[in-house]
Amino acid sequence: MAIPDYQTVMLPLLQATKDGKDHLLSDIIEELGNQFGLTAEEKKELLPSGTQNTFDNRVRWAGTYLFKARLLDRTGRGVIRIT
C-alpha cells in the first residue's frame, strides 16, 4: 500500500484518541502505520530532504490541522488528547 496523505490520516488519528486519554504521538504513529498496513520499508521511507520519515510527517501534519481546528489538544511534549 502507498503511504497515505495527511487528509486520509485525519479521521484515523481522531479515532485513535477517542477515549479522551493522553496519548504519545509516537505510539499513535506506530498504531496508524499498522492500521494502514504499511511495511517496515514504507515506515522508514524518508522525505526528499532526508530529515524525517514520510509517514511520521504526514501524521504530524494531520495533527497540526486538527489542533488548528481545536479537535486535538497538546497536553505535553509529544502528547495529544481529543478535545
N, C-alpha and C. Protein backbone atom coordinates (compact mmCIF):
# COMPACT_ATOMS: atom_id res chain seq x y z
N MET A 1 0.85 -1.19 0.00
CA MET A 1 0.00 0.00 0.00
C MET A 1 0.88 1.24 0.00
N ALA A 2 0.44 2.25 -0.69
CA ALA A 2 1.16 3.52 -0.71
C ALA A 2 0.96 4.25 0.63
N ILE A 3 1.89 5.09 0.96
CA ILE A 3 1.78 5.88 2.19
C ILE A 3 0.63 6.87 2.01
N PRO A 4 -0.34 6.88 2.95
CA PRO A 4 -1.49 7.77 2.81
C PRO A 4 -1.10 9.23 2.99
N ASP A 5 -1.89 10.13 2.37
CA ASP A 5 -1.64 11.56 2.56
C ASP A 5 -2.22 12.00 3.90
N TYR A 6 -1.91 13.23 4.29
CA TYR A 6 -2.31 13.67 5.62
C TYR A 6 -3.83 13.77 5.78
N GLN A 7 -4.56 14.06 4.70
CA GLN A 7 -6.02 14.13 4.80
C GLN A 7 -6.61 12.76 5.14
N THR A 8 -6.04 11.72 4.58
CA THR A 8 -6.51 10.36 4.83
C THR A 8 -6.23 9.94 6.27
N VAL A 9 -5.21 10.52 6.87
CA VAL A 9 -4.79 10.15 8.22
C VAL A 9 -5.64 10.85 9.28
N MET A 10 -6.31 11.95 8.93
CA MET A 10 -7.02 12.75 9.93
C MET A 10 -8.07 11.97 10.73
N LEU A 11 -8.98 11.29 10.08
CA LEU A 11 -10.03 10.58 10.80
C LEU A 11 -9.46 9.44 11.65
N PRO A 12 -8.58 8.59 11.12
CA PRO A 12 -8.00 7.55 11.98
C PRO A 12 -7.23 8.13 13.17
N LEU A 13 -6.61 9.30 13.00
CA LEU A 13 -5.91 9.94 14.12
C LEU A 13 -6.91 10.35 15.19
N LEU A 14 -8.02 10.93 14.80
CA LEU A 14 -9.06 11.27 15.79
C LEU A 14 -9.62 10.01 16.46
N GLN A 15 -9.86 8.98 15.68
CA GLN A 15 -10.40 7.74 16.24
C GLN A 15 -9.43 7.10 17.22
N ALA A 16 -8.14 7.26 16.99
CA ALA A 16 -7.14 6.67 17.89
C ALA A 16 -7.12 7.36 19.25
N THR A 17 -7.69 8.58 19.32
CA THR A 17 -7.69 9.33 20.58
C THR A 17 -9.09 9.44 21.19
N LYS A 18 -10.06 8.72 20.65
CA LYS A 18 -11.45 8.91 21.05
C LYS A 18 -11.76 8.56 22.50
N ASP A 19 -10.85 7.88 23.20
CA ASP A 19 -11.09 7.52 24.59
C ASP A 19 -10.90 8.69 25.55
N GLY A 20 -10.41 9.83 25.03
CA GLY A 20 -10.26 11.03 25.85
C GLY A 20 -9.02 11.05 26.73
N LYS A 21 -8.18 10.03 26.63
CA LYS A 21 -6.96 9.96 27.44
C LYS A 21 -5.79 10.58 26.69
N ASP A 22 -4.72 10.87 27.42
CA ASP A 22 -3.49 11.34 26.79
C ASP A 22 -2.83 10.20 26.04
N HIS A 23 -2.28 10.51 24.85
CA HIS A 23 -1.62 9.51 24.02
C HIS A 23 -0.29 10.05 23.54
N LEU A 24 0.73 9.22 23.57
CA LEU A 24 2.01 9.60 22.98
C LEU A 24 1.86 9.57 21.46
N LEU A 25 2.27 10.64 20.81
CA LEU A 25 2.15 10.72 19.36
C LEU A 25 2.95 9.61 18.69
N SER A 26 4.09 9.27 19.25
CA SER A 26 4.91 8.19 18.67
C SER A 26 4.18 6.85 18.70
N ASP A 27 3.41 6.59 19.76
CA ASP A 27 2.62 5.35 19.83
C ASP A 27 1.50 5.37 18.79
N ILE A 28 0.88 6.52 18.61
CA ILE A 28 -0.20 6.63 17.63
C ILE A 28 0.34 6.47 16.22
N ILE A 29 1.51 7.03 15.94
CA ILE A 29 2.12 6.88 14.62
C ILE A 29 2.35 5.40 14.32
N GLU A 30 2.85 4.67 15.29
CA GLU A 30 3.08 3.23 15.12
C GLU A 30 1.76 2.49 14.89
N GLU A 31 0.77 2.82 15.71
CA GLU A 31 -0.56 2.19 15.60
C GLU A 31 -1.19 2.45 14.23
N LEU A 32 -1.12 3.70 13.78
CA LEU A 32 -1.72 4.05 12.48
C LEU A 32 -0.96 3.39 11.33
N GLY A 33 0.35 3.30 11.45
CA GLY A 33 1.14 2.61 10.42
C GLY A 33 0.69 1.18 10.26
N ASN A 34 0.45 0.51 11.40
CA ASN A 34 -0.04 -0.86 11.36
C ASN A 34 -1.46 -0.93 10.80
N GLN A 35 -2.29 0.04 11.20
CA GLN A 35 -3.68 0.08 10.72
C GLN A 35 -3.74 0.25 9.20
N PHE A 36 -2.84 1.06 8.66
CA PHE A 36 -2.80 1.27 7.21
C PHE A 36 -2.07 0.15 6.49
N GLY A 37 -1.51 -0.80 7.22
CA GLY A 37 -0.83 -1.93 6.61
C GLY A 37 0.49 -1.57 5.96
N LEU A 38 1.18 -0.58 6.50
CA LEU A 38 2.46 -0.17 5.94
C LEU A 38 3.54 -1.20 6.28
N THR A 39 4.42 -1.44 5.34
CA THR A 39 5.55 -2.34 5.56
C THR A 39 6.63 -1.59 6.34
N ALA A 40 7.60 -2.34 6.84
CA ALA A 40 8.71 -1.72 7.56
C ALA A 40 9.46 -0.75 6.67
N GLU A 41 9.60 -1.08 5.39
CA GLU A 41 10.29 -0.20 4.45
C GLU A 41 9.51 1.10 4.24
N GLU A 42 8.19 1.00 4.14
CA GLU A 42 7.36 2.19 3.96
C GLU A 42 7.43 3.08 5.20
N LYS A 43 7.47 2.47 6.38
CA LYS A 43 7.56 3.24 7.62
C LYS A 43 8.90 3.97 7.72
N LYS A 44 9.94 3.40 7.12
CA LYS A 44 11.28 4.00 7.18
C LYS A 44 11.56 4.99 6.05
N GLU A 45 10.66 5.04 5.05
CA GLU A 45 10.88 5.92 3.89
C GLU A 45 11.01 7.37 4.34
N LEU A 46 12.03 8.05 3.83
CA LEU A 46 12.30 9.43 4.22
C LEU A 46 11.75 10.42 3.22
N LEU A 47 11.49 11.62 3.70
CA LEU A 47 11.13 12.73 2.83
C LEU A 47 12.31 13.03 1.90
N PRO A 48 12.07 13.72 0.79
CA PRO A 48 13.19 14.08 -0.09
C PRO A 48 14.32 14.82 0.63
N SER A 49 13.99 15.56 1.67
CA SER A 49 15.01 16.29 2.43
C SER A 49 15.88 15.34 3.25
N GLY A 50 15.36 14.11 3.49
CA GLY A 50 16.10 13.12 4.27
C GLY A 50 16.09 13.38 5.76
N THR A 51 15.23 14.27 6.24
CA THR A 51 15.24 14.64 7.65
C THR A 51 14.18 13.95 8.50
N GLN A 52 13.17 13.38 7.88
CA GLN A 52 12.07 12.80 8.64
C GLN A 52 11.41 11.70 7.83
N ASN A 53 10.82 10.72 8.55
CA ASN A 53 10.07 9.67 7.87
C ASN A 53 8.81 10.28 7.25
N THR A 54 8.48 9.85 6.05
CA THR A 54 7.34 10.40 5.31
C THR A 54 6.04 10.19 6.08
N PHE A 55 5.81 8.97 6.58
CA PHE A 55 4.55 8.70 7.27
C PHE A 55 4.46 9.51 8.56
N ASP A 56 5.55 9.59 9.32
CA ASP A 56 5.55 10.40 10.54
C ASP A 56 5.17 11.84 10.21
N ASN A 57 5.76 12.37 9.15
CA ASN A 57 5.49 13.73 8.72
C ASN A 57 4.02 13.93 8.40
N ARG A 58 3.43 12.99 7.72
CA ARG A 58 2.01 13.12 7.34
C ARG A 58 1.09 13.03 8.54
N VAL A 59 1.42 12.17 9.49
CA VAL A 59 0.61 12.10 10.72
C VAL A 59 0.73 13.41 11.49
N ARG A 60 1.94 13.94 11.57
CA ARG A 60 2.14 15.20 12.29
C ARG A 60 1.42 16.37 11.61
N TRP A 61 1.40 16.40 10.27
CA TRP A 61 0.65 17.45 9.56
C TRP A 61 -0.84 17.29 9.80
N ALA A 62 -1.34 16.06 9.80
CA ALA A 62 -2.75 15.82 10.11
C ALA A 62 -3.05 16.36 11.50
N GLY A 63 -2.17 16.08 12.44
CA GLY A 63 -2.34 16.58 13.81
C GLY A 63 -2.34 18.10 13.87
N THR A 64 -1.46 18.72 13.10
CA THR A 64 -1.39 20.18 13.08
C THR A 64 -2.73 20.79 12.67
N TYR A 65 -3.32 20.25 11.62
CA TYR A 65 -4.60 20.79 11.17
C TYR A 65 -5.73 20.46 12.15
N LEU A 66 -5.65 19.33 12.82
CA LEU A 66 -6.66 19.01 13.83
C LEU A 66 -6.50 19.89 15.06
N PHE A 67 -5.27 20.27 15.40
CA PHE A 67 -5.04 21.22 16.50
C PHE A 67 -5.62 22.58 16.14
N LYS A 68 -5.38 23.02 14.90
CA LYS A 68 -5.90 24.32 14.46
C LYS A 68 -7.42 24.33 14.46
N ALA A 69 -8.04 23.19 14.18
CA ALA A 69 -9.49 23.07 14.20
C ALA A 69 -10.02 22.85 15.62
N ARG A 70 -9.10 22.78 16.59
CA ARG A 70 -9.41 22.56 18.01
C ARG A 70 -10.09 21.22 18.27
N LEU A 71 -9.73 20.23 17.46
CA LEU A 71 -10.24 18.88 17.68
C LEU A 71 -9.28 18.04 18.50
N LEU A 72 -8.01 18.43 18.50
CA LEU A 72 -6.99 17.80 19.33
C LEU A 72 -6.33 18.88 20.17
N ASP A 73 -5.77 18.45 21.30
CA ASP A 73 -5.06 19.35 22.19
C ASP A 73 -3.71 18.75 22.53
N ARG A 74 -2.69 19.58 22.64
CA ARG A 74 -1.37 19.12 23.08
C ARG A 74 -1.32 19.27 24.59
N THR A 75 -1.11 18.16 25.28
CA THR A 75 -1.07 18.19 26.75
C THR A 75 0.34 18.09 27.29
N GLY A 76 1.28 17.93 26.41
CA GLY A 76 2.69 17.84 26.78
C GLY A 76 3.50 17.65 25.52
N ARG A 77 4.81 17.53 25.69
CA ARG A 77 5.66 17.34 24.52
C ARG A 77 5.42 15.95 23.94
N GLY A 78 4.91 15.91 22.72
CA GLY A 78 4.64 14.63 22.06
C GLY A 78 3.43 13.90 22.61
N VAL A 79 2.56 14.62 23.34
CA VAL A 79 1.38 14.01 23.94
C VAL A 79 0.15 14.77 23.45
N ILE A 80 -0.86 14.02 22.97
CA ILE A 80 -2.08 14.63 22.45
C ILE A 80 -3.30 14.01 23.10
N ARG A 81 -4.41 14.76 23.03
CA ARG A 81 -5.70 14.30 23.56
C ARG A 81 -6.79 14.93 22.71
N ILE A 82 -7.86 14.18 22.50
CA ILE A 82 -9.01 14.71 21.77
C ILE A 82 -9.71 15.72 22.66
N THR A 83 -10.30 16.76 22.05
CA THR A 83 -10.98 17.78 22.85
C THR A 83 -12.44 17.45 23.03
